[in-house]
Amino acid sequence: MLMVKVFGKQGCELCKNTVHKFQFFLERWGLADGVEVEFLDMGTPEGLAEAMMHDASAVPTTVILNEAGEEQARWEGAVPPSSEFKPIIAGESA
């Protein structure tokens, strides 16, 4: 299963929009069952530790990991465009 990790902070509108955008498009494309979307709050010790493991310092940082936990894509400080993440999530050739 693919994993989308959104590193951010509570109250961050870009972070909230990023999570909602992934959830919306995954449902729209019929891919929600094969992709997990997780928000990690960098204001907590657990979220900060996970962010450090993924070298995430900008808010938001979005990382897509494959089934083996390898990074497939990354966006920092912005909401990713759906045109950029759809090929990765849908397994299409870019």
N, C-alpha and C. Protein backbone atom coordinates (compact mmCIF):
# COMPACT_ATOMS: atom_id res chain seq x y z
N MET A 1 0.84 -1.18 0.00
CA MET A 1 0.00 0.00 0.00
C MET A 1 0.89 1.24 0.00
N LEU A 2 0.54 2.19 -0.86
CA LEU A 2 1.26 3.47 -0.87
C LEU A 2 0.89 4.27 0.38
N MET A 3 1.82 5.11 0.81
CA MET A 3 1.60 5.95 1.98
C MET A 3 1.91 7.39 1.60
N VAL A 4 0.97 8.29 1.92
CA VAL A 4 1.19 9.73 1.76
C VAL A 4 1.33 10.29 3.16
N LYS A 5 2.49 10.86 3.46
CA LYS A 5 2.72 11.47 4.76
C LYS A 5 2.77 12.98 4.58
N VAL A 6 1.94 13.67 5.33
CA VAL A 6 1.91 15.13 5.30
C VAL A 6 2.43 15.62 6.65
N PHE A 7 3.59 16.24 6.62
CA PHE A 7 4.20 16.78 7.83
C PHE A 7 3.80 18.24 7.95
N GLY A 8 3.25 18.60 9.09
CA GLY A 8 2.80 19.97 9.27
C GLY A 8 2.58 20.30 10.72
N LYS A 9 1.80 21.34 10.94
CA LYS A 9 1.48 21.78 12.30
C LYS A 9 -0.01 22.07 12.39
N GLN A 10 -0.57 21.89 13.58
CA GLN A 10 -1.97 22.21 13.81
C GLN A 10 -2.19 23.69 13.48
N GLY A 11 -3.32 23.99 12.85
CA GLY A 11 -3.64 25.37 12.50
C GLY A 11 -3.06 25.82 11.17
N CYS A 12 -2.27 24.98 10.52
CA CYS A 12 -1.67 25.32 9.22
C CYS A 12 -2.68 25.01 8.13
N GLU A 13 -3.16 26.06 7.44
CA GLU A 13 -4.16 25.87 6.39
C GLU A 13 -3.60 25.10 5.20
N LEU A 14 -2.34 25.34 4.83
CA LEU A 14 -1.74 24.59 3.72
C LEU A 14 -1.69 23.10 4.05
N CYS A 15 -1.37 22.78 5.30
CA CYS A 15 -1.30 21.39 5.73
C CYS A 15 -2.68 20.73 5.64
N LYS A 16 -3.68 21.41 6.16
CA LYS A 16 -5.06 20.93 6.13
C LYS A 16 -5.53 20.75 4.70
N ASN A 17 -5.24 21.73 3.84
CA ASN A 17 -5.63 21.65 2.43
C ASN A 17 -4.95 20.49 1.72
N THR A 18 -3.70 20.23 2.07
CA THR A 18 -2.97 19.13 1.44
C THR A 18 -3.63 17.79 1.76
N VAL A 19 -3.94 17.56 3.02
CA VAL A 19 -4.59 16.31 3.43
C VAL A 19 -5.94 16.17 2.72
N HIS A 20 -6.74 17.23 2.74
CA HIS A 20 -8.06 17.18 2.10
C HIS A 20 -7.95 16.96 0.59
N LYS A 21 -6.96 17.58 -0.04
CA LYS A 21 -6.79 17.42 -1.48
C LYS A 21 -6.48 15.98 -1.84
N PHE A 22 -5.55 15.35 -1.09
CA PHE A 22 -5.25 13.94 -1.37
C PHE A 22 -6.48 13.07 -1.14
N GLN A 23 -7.19 13.27 -0.05
CA GLN A 23 -8.37 12.47 0.24
C GLN A 23 -9.43 12.65 -0.86
N PHE A 24 -9.65 13.89 -1.29
CA PHE A 24 -10.63 14.17 -2.33
C PHE A 24 -10.28 13.45 -3.64
N PHE A 25 -9.04 13.63 -4.10
CA PHE A 25 -8.67 13.05 -5.39
C PHE A 25 -8.57 11.53 -5.33
N LEU A 26 -8.14 10.98 -4.22
CA LEU A 26 -8.09 9.52 -4.11
C LEU A 26 -9.49 8.93 -4.22
N GLU A 27 -10.46 9.57 -3.59
CA GLU A 27 -11.86 9.12 -3.71
C GLU A 27 -12.34 9.29 -5.14
N ARG A 28 -12.07 10.44 -5.72
CA ARG A 28 -12.53 10.74 -7.09
C ARG A 28 -11.96 9.76 -8.11
N TRP A 29 -10.69 9.38 -7.93
CA TRP A 29 -10.03 8.47 -8.86
C TRP A 29 -10.26 7.01 -8.51
N GLY A 30 -10.97 6.72 -7.43
CA GLY A 30 -11.23 5.34 -7.02
C GLY A 30 -10.01 4.63 -6.48
N LEU A 31 -9.08 5.39 -5.89
CA LEU A 31 -7.82 4.82 -5.40
C LEU A 31 -7.67 4.88 -3.88
N ALA A 32 -8.72 5.28 -3.19
CA ALA A 32 -8.63 5.49 -1.74
C ALA A 32 -8.28 4.22 -0.97
N ASP A 33 -8.71 3.06 -1.48
CA ASP A 33 -8.44 1.82 -0.75
C ASP A 33 -6.99 1.39 -0.82
N GLY A 34 -6.24 1.89 -1.80
CA GLY A 34 -4.85 1.47 -1.97
C GLY A 34 -3.82 2.46 -1.47
N VAL A 35 -4.28 3.57 -0.87
CA VAL A 35 -3.35 4.61 -0.44
C VAL A 35 -3.77 5.10 0.95
N GLU A 36 -2.82 5.15 1.86
CA GLU A 36 -3.09 5.70 3.19
C GLU A 36 -2.54 7.11 3.26
N VAL A 37 -3.35 8.04 3.77
CA VAL A 37 -2.94 9.43 3.95
C VAL A 37 -2.81 9.67 5.45
N GLU A 38 -1.66 10.14 5.86
CA GLU A 38 -1.39 10.36 7.28
C GLU A 38 -0.87 11.77 7.52
N PHE A 39 -1.48 12.48 8.48
CA PHE A 39 -0.99 13.79 8.89
C PHE A 39 -0.13 13.60 10.13
N LEU A 40 1.08 14.17 10.10
CA LEU A 40 1.99 14.08 11.24
C LEU A 40 2.26 15.49 11.75
N ASP A 41 1.86 15.74 12.97
CA ASP A 41 1.99 17.06 13.58
C ASP A 41 3.41 17.25 14.10
N MET A 42 4.14 18.16 13.47
CA MET A 42 5.52 18.43 13.86
C MET A 42 5.61 19.19 15.19
N GLY A 43 4.46 19.54 15.75
CA GLY A 43 4.42 20.17 17.05
C GLY A 43 4.39 19.16 18.19
N THR A 44 4.37 17.86 17.85
CA THR A 44 4.41 16.81 18.86
C THR A 44 5.74 16.07 18.77
N PRO A 45 6.19 15.46 19.87
CA PRO A 45 7.45 14.72 19.81
C PRO A 45 7.43 13.59 18.78
N GLU A 46 6.30 12.89 18.67
CA GLU A 46 6.21 11.79 17.70
C GLU A 46 6.27 12.30 16.26
N GLY A 47 5.51 13.37 15.99
CA GLY A 47 5.51 13.94 14.65
C GLY A 47 6.85 14.52 14.26
N LEU A 48 7.51 15.17 15.22
CA LEU A 48 8.82 15.74 14.96
C LEU A 48 9.85 14.65 14.70
N ALA A 49 9.79 13.57 15.46
CA ALA A 49 10.73 12.46 15.26
C ALA A 49 10.56 11.85 13.87
N GLU A 50 9.31 11.64 13.47
CA GLU A 50 9.03 11.09 12.14
C GLU A 50 9.50 12.06 11.05
N ALA A 51 9.28 13.35 11.27
CA ALA A 51 9.72 14.37 10.31
C ALA A 51 11.24 14.33 10.15
N MET A 52 11.94 14.16 11.26
CA MET A 52 13.40 14.10 11.19
C MET A 52 13.85 12.88 10.40
N MET A 53 13.14 11.77 10.53
CA MET A 53 13.50 10.55 9.78
C MET A 53 13.33 10.76 8.28
N HIS A 54 12.44 11.67 7.90
CA HIS A 54 12.17 11.92 6.48
C HIS A 54 12.75 13.26 6.02
N ASP A 55 13.59 13.86 6.84
CA ASP A 55 14.26 15.12 6.51
C ASP A 55 13.24 16.19 6.11
N ALA A 56 12.14 16.26 6.87
CA ALA A 56 11.09 17.23 6.60
C ALA A 56 11.22 18.39 7.57
N SER A 57 11.45 19.58 7.04
CA SER A 57 11.55 20.76 7.90
C SER A 57 10.57 21.85 7.49
N ALA A 58 10.24 21.94 6.21
CA ALA A 58 9.27 22.94 5.73
C ALA A 58 7.86 22.46 6.05
N VAL A 59 6.97 23.42 6.24
CA VAL A 59 5.57 23.10 6.53
C VAL A 59 4.71 23.63 5.39
N PRO A 60 3.93 22.81 4.73
CA PRO A 60 3.89 21.36 4.86
C PRO A 60 4.97 20.71 4.00
N THR A 61 5.36 19.52 4.39
CA THR A 61 6.16 18.65 3.53
C THR A 61 5.33 17.41 3.28
N THR A 62 5.17 17.05 2.03
CA THR A 62 4.39 15.88 1.64
C THR A 62 5.33 14.87 1.00
N VAL A 63 5.27 13.64 1.47
CA VAL A 63 6.13 12.57 0.97
C VAL A 63 5.24 11.39 0.59
N ILE A 64 5.47 10.83 -0.61
CA ILE A 64 4.79 9.61 -1.02
C ILE A 64 5.81 8.48 -0.93
N LEU A 65 5.44 7.43 -0.19
CA LEU A 65 6.30 6.26 -0.01
C LEU A 65 5.66 5.05 -0.67
N ASN A 66 6.49 4.22 -1.31
CA ASN A 66 5.96 2.99 -1.91
C ASN A 66 5.81 1.92 -0.83
N GLU A 67 5.43 0.72 -1.24
CA GLU A 67 5.18 -0.38 -0.31
C GLU A 67 6.42 -0.75 0.49
N ALA A 68 7.60 -0.51 -0.06
CA ALA A 68 8.86 -0.82 0.62
C ALA A 68 9.33 0.33 1.52
N GLY A 69 8.55 1.41 1.58
CA GLY A 69 8.93 2.56 2.40
C GLY A 69 9.92 3.49 1.72
N GLU A 70 10.10 3.34 0.41
CA GLU A 70 11.03 4.19 -0.35
C GLU A 70 10.29 5.42 -0.87
N GLU A 71 10.95 6.55 -0.77
CA GLU A 71 10.35 7.81 -1.22
C GLU A 71 10.20 7.82 -2.73
N GLN A 72 8.98 8.13 -3.18
CA GLN A 72 8.67 8.21 -4.60
C GLN A 72 8.53 9.65 -5.08
N ALA A 73 8.13 10.53 -4.16
CA ALA A 73 7.94 11.95 -4.51
C ALA A 73 7.92 12.77 -3.23
N ARG A 74 8.21 14.09 -3.40
CA ARG A 74 8.25 15.00 -2.26
C ARG A 74 7.92 16.40 -2.72
N TRP A 75 7.16 17.10 -1.88
CA TRP A 75 6.86 18.51 -2.09
C TRP A 75 7.07 19.22 -0.77
N GLU A 76 7.66 20.40 -0.80
CA GLU A 76 7.94 21.14 0.43
C GLU A 76 7.38 22.55 0.34
N GLY A 77 6.64 22.94 1.39
CA GLY A 77 6.15 24.31 1.52
C GLY A 77 4.99 24.68 0.63
N ALA A 78 4.33 23.70 0.02
CA ALA A 78 3.21 24.00 -0.87
C ALA A 78 2.29 22.80 -0.97
N VAL A 79 1.07 23.05 -1.42
CA VAL A 79 0.12 21.97 -1.67
C VAL A 79 0.47 21.38 -3.04
N PRO A 80 0.72 20.07 -3.12
CA PRO A 80 1.11 19.47 -4.40
C PRO A 80 -0.02 19.53 -5.43
N PRO A 81 0.32 19.82 -6.68
CA PRO A 81 -0.69 19.78 -7.75
C PRO A 81 -1.11 18.33 -8.02
N SER A 82 -2.39 18.11 -8.22
CA SER A 82 -2.88 16.75 -8.48
C SER A 82 -2.26 16.17 -9.76
N SER A 83 -1.94 17.03 -10.71
CA SER A 83 -1.32 16.55 -11.95
C SER A 83 0.06 15.96 -11.71
N GLU A 84 0.70 16.35 -10.62
CA GLU A 84 2.03 15.81 -10.29
C GLU A 84 1.93 14.52 -9.49
N PHE A 85 0.94 14.40 -8.60
CA PHE A 85 0.90 13.19 -7.78
C PHE A 85 0.04 12.07 -8.36
N LYS A 86 -0.86 12.37 -9.29
CA LYS A 86 -1.69 11.30 -9.87
C LYS A 86 -0.86 10.22 -10.56
N PRO A 87 0.13 10.56 -11.40
CA PRO A 87 0.88 9.48 -12.06
C PRO A 87 1.60 8.56 -11.07
N ILE A 88 2.05 9.10 -9.96
CA ILE A 88 2.77 8.30 -8.96
C ILE A 88 1.79 7.39 -8.25
N ILE A 89 0.67 7.93 -7.83
CA ILE A 89 -0.32 7.17 -7.07
C ILE A 89 -1.03 6.15 -7.97
N ALA A 90 -1.32 6.53 -9.19
CA ALA A 90 -2.04 5.64 -10.09
C ALA A 90 -1.12 4.66 -10.82
N GLY A 91 0.20 4.81 -10.61
CA GLY A 91 1.15 3.90 -11.25
C GLY A 91 1.28 4.14 -12.74
N GLU A 92 1.01 5.37 -13.16
CA GLU A 92 1.10 5.71 -14.58
C GLU A 92 2.51 6.16 -14.92
N SER A 93 2.86 6.07 -16.16
CA SER A 93 4.15 6.61 -16.62
C SER A 93 4.01 8.12 -16.69
N ALA A 94 5.01 8.81 -16.18
CA ALA A 94 4.96 10.27 -16.18
C ALA A 94 5.28 10.82 -17.54
